[in-house]
């Protein structure tokens, strides 16, 4: 009898399937069987947690394959990240989160490799031992630094979007993060809402798409510079009625021009919000 061990942290390392995705996978396994092998590291299940659970539930036969390249849990995490970054079904937000995780692991390994004394490297070479930091296909000494550009390319998003994802990770309430993952709100709008206090974020999420878009709009408008007063020279103290009327009309024209510019900005914001709403549908 094969022993398969489930690590809860490892199972939760990648975002779980949505109910619809899980139901589709279950239908596929019931009709076609489990065609893809489960990936193991020893007896630890690395890839195929959902398939394994469904197969156990319905008594569906499955195969397993060992990945012998793993030498540490970091290797497992890197393999899982690379495996999911290549999938088309992964959202921009999920890819950004995964790429940032990989950056943390690779950066830590590079730092560790630099601190490792040369004598230790020589000892590894003499004994034939492979440094743990070089596993999972990562040649640590030759691995280039994971700059912002490298991370953004790995996630297939722009640097600006990557910055927004990082902001959401750091300041967004769990409820807001959940809304991004489920597609209720866009990354751009969520990054704006994440600037609000946690309780206001939660309230906006509870209000649904409309409330979230309104909260994002208000944050963006608040960031706009204060409306300047019309730069119109004051009339002289002894101004005639005609001069005062000209001054009044000049001020009015300046205010109307400023109002026109503000309306253009609002139209731009509404266009963005409409695009976000269509993207979340």
Protein backbone atom coordinates (compact mmCIF):
# COMPACT_ATOMS: atom_id res chain seq x y z
CA UNK A 1 0.00 0.00 0.00
CA UNK A 2 1.54 3.33 -1.11
CA UNK A 3 1.95 5.95 1.60
CA UNK A 4 1.29 9.52 0.51
CA UNK A 5 1.85 12.35 2.98
CA UNK A 6 -0.03 15.65 2.72
CA UNK A 7 1.67 18.83 3.95
CA UNK A 8 -1.03 21.43 4.63
CA UNK A 9 1.36 24.35 4.13
CA UNK A 10 2.47 22.92 0.80
CA UNK A 11 -1.11 22.31 -0.29
CA UNK A 12 -1.96 25.95 0.51
CA UNK A 13 1.19 27.36 -1.14
CA UNK A 14 -0.69 27.82 -4.43
CA UNK A 15 -4.15 29.39 -4.47
CA UNK A 16 -6.86 26.71 -4.36
CA UNK A 17 -9.19 26.05 -7.28
CA UNK A 18 -12.45 27.93 -7.42
CA UNK A 19 -15.59 25.83 -6.84
CA UNK A 20 -16.30 25.87 -10.59
CA UNK A 21 -12.74 24.79 -11.43
CA UNK A 22 -12.87 22.00 -8.84
CA UNK A 23 -16.22 20.77 -10.19
CA UNK A 24 -14.84 20.75 -13.75
CA UNK A 25 -11.79 18.77 -12.63
CA UNK A 26 -14.01 16.27 -10.81
CA UNK A 27 -16.16 15.75 -13.91
CA UNK A 28 -13.04 15.25 -16.02
CA UNK A 29 -11.56 12.65 -13.66
CA UNK A 30 -14.84 10.77 -13.43
CA UNK A 31 -15.22 10.59 -17.21
CA UNK A 32 -11.58 10.20 -18.32
CA UNK A 33 -9.72 8.94 -15.27
CA UNK A 34 -6.55 10.46 -13.81
CA UNK A 35 -4.27 10.84 -16.84
CA UNK A 36 -1.55 12.99 -15.19
CA UNK A 37 0.72 11.41 -12.60
CA UNK A 38 0.88 12.85 -9.09
CA UNK A 39 4.34 14.28 -8.31
CA UNK A 40 6.00 13.04 -5.12
CA UNK A 41 9.17 13.82 -3.21
CA UNK A 42 9.64 10.64 -1.25
CA UNK A 43 6.19 10.10 0.21
CA UNK A 44 5.37 13.84 0.21
CA UNK A 45 2.75 14.93 -2.33
CA UNK A 46 4.04 17.95 -4.25
CA UNK A 47 1.65 18.32 -7.19
CA UNK A 48 -1.85 16.94 -7.61
CA UNK A 49 -3.56 17.62 -4.28
CA UNK A 50 -6.97 18.17 -5.87
CA UNK A 51 -6.63 15.14 -8.14
CA UNK A 52 -5.53 12.99 -5.21
CA UNK A 53 -8.51 14.06 -3.09
CA UNK A 54 -11.00 13.41 -5.90
CA UNK A 55 -9.43 10.05 -6.76
CA UNK A 56 -9.60 9.01 -3.10
CA UNK A 57 -13.22 10.11 -2.89
CA UNK A 58 -14.37 8.16 -5.96
CA UNK A 59 -11.88 5.28 -5.95
CA UNK A 60 -10.22 6.40 -9.19
CA UNK A 61 -6.86 4.81 -10.00
CA UNK A 62 -3.84 7.13 -10.36
CA UNK A 63 -0.10 6.95 -11.02
CA UNK A 64 2.74 8.71 -9.24
CA UNK A 65 6.17 9.93 -10.29
CA UNK A 66 9.16 10.84 -8.14
CA UNK A 67 11.01 14.13 -8.64
CA UNK A 68 14.57 13.29 -7.59
CA UNK A 69 15.94 16.81 -8.16
CA UNK A 70 14.53 18.19 -4.91
CA UNK A 71 16.98 18.66 -2.06
CA UNK A 72 15.09 21.12 0.10
CA UNK A 73 11.63 22.57 0.57
CA UNK A 74 12.80 25.68 -1.28
CA UNK A 75 13.43 23.46 -4.31
CA UNK A 76 9.87 22.20 -4.03
CA UNK A 77 8.51 25.74 -3.79
CA UNK A 78 10.52 26.90 -6.83
CA UNK A 79 9.29 23.93 -8.86
CA UNK A 80 5.69 24.66 -7.88
CA UNK A 81 6.08 28.34 -8.75
CA UNK A 82 7.61 27.67 -12.17
CA UNK A 83 4.97 25.02 -12.86
CA UNK A 84 2.12 27.46 -12.19
CA UNK A 85 3.71 30.51 -13.84
CA UNK A 86 3.51 28.61 -17.13
CA UNK A 87 -0.21 27.89 -16.87
CA UNK A 88 -2.60 30.02 -18.90
CA UNK A 89 -5.37 29.81 -16.32
CA UNK A 90 -3.33 31.69 -13.69
CA UNK A 91 -4.41 35.34 -13.30
CA UNK A 92 -2.10 38.36 -13.48
CA UNK A 93 -2.40 38.83 -9.72
CA UNK A 94 -1.52 35.19 -9.00
CA UNK A 95 1.46 35.31 -11.37
CA UNK A 96 2.70 38.49 -9.71
CA UNK A 97 2.46 36.93 -6.24
CA UNK A 98 4.25 33.78 -7.39
CA UNK A 99 7.03 35.72 -9.14
CA UNK A 100 7.58 37.82 -6.01
CA UNK A 101 7.83 34.62 -3.96
CA UNK A 102 10.43 33.27 -6.34
CA UNK A 103 12.38 36.52 -6.04
CA UNK A 104 12.51 36.08 -2.25
CA UNK A 105 13.80 32.51 -2.52
CA UNK A 106 16.38 33.20 -5.23
CA UNK A 107 17.60 36.40 -3.51
CA UNK A 108 18.01 34.55 -0.21
CA UNK A 109 19.99 31.80 -1.94
CA UNK A 110 22.25 34.30 -3.68
CA UNK A 111 22.90 36.06 -0.38
CA UNK A 112 23.63 32.74 1.33
CA UNK A 113 26.00 31.70 -1.45
CA UNK A 114 27.98 34.94 -1.09
CA UNK A 115 28.32 34.43 2.66
CA UNK A 116 29.38 30.80 2.36
CA UNK A 117 33.15 30.56 2.98
CA UNK A 118 35.29 29.38 0.09
CA UNK A 119 36.57 26.53 2.26
CA UNK A 120 33.07 25.14 2.52
CA UNK A 121 32.74 25.21 -1.26
CA UNK A 122 36.05 23.33 -1.54
CA UNK A 123 34.86 20.75 0.98
CA UNK A 124 31.68 20.21 -1.01
CA UNK A 125 33.70 19.72 -4.17
CA UNK A 126 36.10 17.28 -2.47
CA UNK A 127 33.29 15.13 -1.12
CA UNK A 128 31.17 15.39 -4.25
CA UNK A 129 28.29 16.92 -2.29
CA UNK A 130 26.09 19.38 -4.12
CA UNK A 131 25.35 22.59 -2.19
CA UNK A 132 21.69 22.71 -1.20
CA UNK A 133 21.49 26.22 -2.61
CA UNK A 134 22.19 24.95 -6.13
CA UNK A 135 19.29 22.52 -6.36
CA UNK A 136 16.15 22.64 -8.49
CA UNK A 137 18.01 23.78 -11.56
CA UNK A 138 19.13 27.05 -9.97
CA UNK A 139 22.82 27.63 -10.51
CA UNK A 140 23.18 30.03 -7.62
CA UNK A 141 26.53 31.57 -8.43
CA UNK A 142 25.50 32.23 -12.05
CA UNK A 143 21.87 33.16 -11.35
CA UNK A 144 21.35 36.84 -12.26
CA UNK A 145 19.80 39.09 -9.61
CA UNK A 146 16.02 39.11 -9.70
CA UNK A 147 15.50 42.79 -10.44
CA UNK A 148 12.06 44.38 -10.76
CA UNK A 149 12.23 43.96 -14.53
CA UNK A 150 13.07 40.25 -14.25
CA UNK A 151 10.21 39.66 -11.80
CA UNK A 152 7.75 41.59 -13.98
CA UNK A 153 8.75 39.61 -17.06
CA UNK A 154 8.37 36.32 -15.18
CA UNK A 155 4.87 37.39 -14.10
CA UNK A 156 4.09 38.76 -17.58
CA UNK A 157 2.91 42.08 -16.13
CA UNK A 158 4.21 45.65 -16.26
CA UNK A 159 6.42 47.12 -13.54
CA UNK A 160 3.53 49.38 -12.54
CA UNK A 161 1.19 46.40 -12.13
CA UNK A 162 3.86 44.53 -10.16
CA UNK A 163 4.17 47.51 -7.81
CA UNK A 164 0.39 47.49 -7.35
CA UNK A 165 0.40 43.74 -6.58
CA UNK A 166 3.12 44.27 -4.00
CA UNK A 167 1.14 47.11 -2.41
CA UNK A 168 -1.96 44.91 -2.23
CA UNK A 169 0.06 42.17 -0.54
CA UNK A 170 1.42 44.60 2.05
CA UNK A 171 -1.57 46.81 2.88
CA UNK A 172 -4.79 45.19 1.63
CA UNK A 173 -7.23 43.59 4.06
CA UNK A 174 -7.77 39.84 3.49
CA UNK A 175 -11.26 40.59 2.20
CA UNK A 176 -9.86 42.93 -0.46
CA UNK A 177 -7.22 40.38 -1.48
CA UNK A 178 -10.00 37.84 -1.86
CA UNK A 179 -11.93 40.25 -4.09
CA UNK A 180 -8.89 40.65 -6.36
CA UNK A 181 -8.34 36.90 -6.58
CA UNK A 182 -11.97 36.29 -7.47
CA UNK A 183 -11.98 39.03 -10.13
CA UNK A 184 -14.51 41.26 -8.36
CA UNK A 185 -12.07 44.17 -8.53
CA UNK A 186 -9.10 44.89 -10.80
CA UNK A 187 -5.51 45.10 -9.58
CA UNK A 188 -5.41 48.82 -10.39
CA UNK A 189 -8.57 49.61 -8.40
CA UNK A 190 -7.60 47.30 -5.53
CA UNK A 191 -4.25 49.07 -5.15
CA UNK A 192 -6.13 52.36 -4.78
CA UNK A 193 -8.61 50.93 -2.23
CA UNK A 194 -5.69 49.38 -0.31
CA UNK A 195 -4.66 52.95 0.63
CA UNK A 196 -7.73 53.20 2.85
CA UNK A 197 -7.91 52.05 6.50
CA UNK A 198 -8.64 48.33 6.86
CA UNK A 199 -12.22 48.85 8.11
CA UNK A 200 -13.09 50.99 5.08
CA UNK A 201 -11.59 48.37 2.76
CA UNK A 202 -13.76 45.69 4.36
CA UNK A 203 -16.85 47.90 4.10
CA UNK A 204 -16.16 48.57 0.42
CA UNK A 205 -15.78 44.84 -0.30
CA UNK A 206 -19.05 44.15 1.53
CA UNK A 207 -20.75 46.72 -0.72
CA UNK A 208 -19.82 44.80 -3.86
CA UNK A 209 -18.43 45.94 -7.22
CA UNK A 210 -20.18 49.30 -7.27
CA UNK A 211 -18.95 50.29 -3.81
CA UNK A 212 -15.41 49.14 -4.61
CA UNK A 213 -15.30 51.18 -7.82
CA UNK A 214 -16.63 54.22 -5.98
CA UNK A 215 -14.00 53.83 -3.24
CA UNK A 216 -11.25 53.55 -5.86
CA UNK A 217 -12.57 56.67 -7.64
CA UNK A 218 -12.59 58.68 -4.44
CA UNK A 219 -9.00 57.68 -3.62
CA UNK A 220 -7.84 58.68 -7.10
CA UNK A 221 -9.63 62.02 -6.94
CA UNK A 222 -8.18 62.72 -3.50
CA UNK A 223 -4.72 62.30 -4.99
CA UNK A 224 -5.38 65.05 -7.53
CA UNK A 225 -3.79 68.44 -6.71
CA UNK A 226 -6.03 71.03 -5.07
CA UNK A 227 -8.04 73.13 -7.46
CA UNK A 228 -6.07 76.36 -8.02
CA UNK A 229 -7.78 79.72 -7.94
CA UNK A 230 -8.06 81.44 -11.33
CA UNK A 231 -4.92 83.44 -12.03
CA UNK A 232 -6.70 86.67 -12.87
CA UNK A 233 -5.36 90.07 -11.96
CA UNK A 234 -7.63 91.93 -9.53
CA UNK A 235 -9.38 95.05 -10.88
CA UNK A 236 -8.11 98.44 -9.75
CA UNK A 237 -9.74 100.02 -6.70
CA UNK A 238 -11.24 102.78 -8.84
CA UNK A 239 -12.47 100.36 -11.52
CA UNK A 240 -15.44 101.46 -13.57
CA UNK A 241 -18.56 99.28 -13.80
CA UNK A 242 -17.44 98.10 -17.24
CA UNK A 243 -14.02 97.11 -15.88
CA UNK A 244 -15.65 95.20 -13.00
CA UNK A 245 -17.90 93.35 -15.44
CA UNK A 246 -14.92 92.45 -17.63
CA UNK A 247 -13.09 91.15 -14.54
CA UNK A 248 -16.12 89.07 -13.51
CA UNK A 249 -16.39 87.53 -16.95
CA UNK A 250 -12.66 86.85 -17.08
CA UNK A 251 -12.82 84.99 -13.76
CA UNK A 252 -15.86 83.05 -14.98
CA UNK A 253 -14.07 81.97 -18.16
CA UNK A 254 -11.06 80.80 -16.13
CA UNK A 255 -13.31 78.81 -13.78
CA UNK A 256 -15.15 77.21 -16.71
CA UNK A 257 -11.87 76.19 -18.31
CA UNK A 258 -10.76 74.60 -15.04
CA UNK A 259 -14.12 72.82 -14.71
CA UNK A 260 -13.73 71.53 -18.26
CA UNK A 261 -10.32 70.09 -17.41
CA UNK A 262 -11.72 68.43 -14.27
CA UNK A 263 -14.57 66.90 -16.28
CA UNK A 264 -12.05 65.47 -18.75
CA UNK A 265 -10.25 63.77 -15.87
CA UNK A 266 -13.53 62.38 -14.53
CA UNK A 267 -14.33 60.97 -17.96
CA UNK A 268 -10.91 59.28 -17.97
CA UNK A 269 -11.59 57.77 -14.52
CA UNK A 270 -15.04 56.59 -15.61
CA UNK A 271 -13.53 55.02 -18.72
CA UNK A 272 -11.03 53.14 -16.54
CA UNK A 273 -13.79 52.05 -14.15
CA UNK A 274 -15.95 50.85 -17.05
CA UNK A 275 -13.03 48.88 -18.45
CA UNK A 276 -12.39 47.34 -15.02
CA UNK A 277 -16.08 46.47 -14.64
CA UNK A 278 -16.12 44.72 -18.04
CA UNK A 279 -12.89 42.89 -17.17
CA UNK A 280 -14.42 41.55 -13.95
CA UNK A 281 -17.55 40.23 -15.64
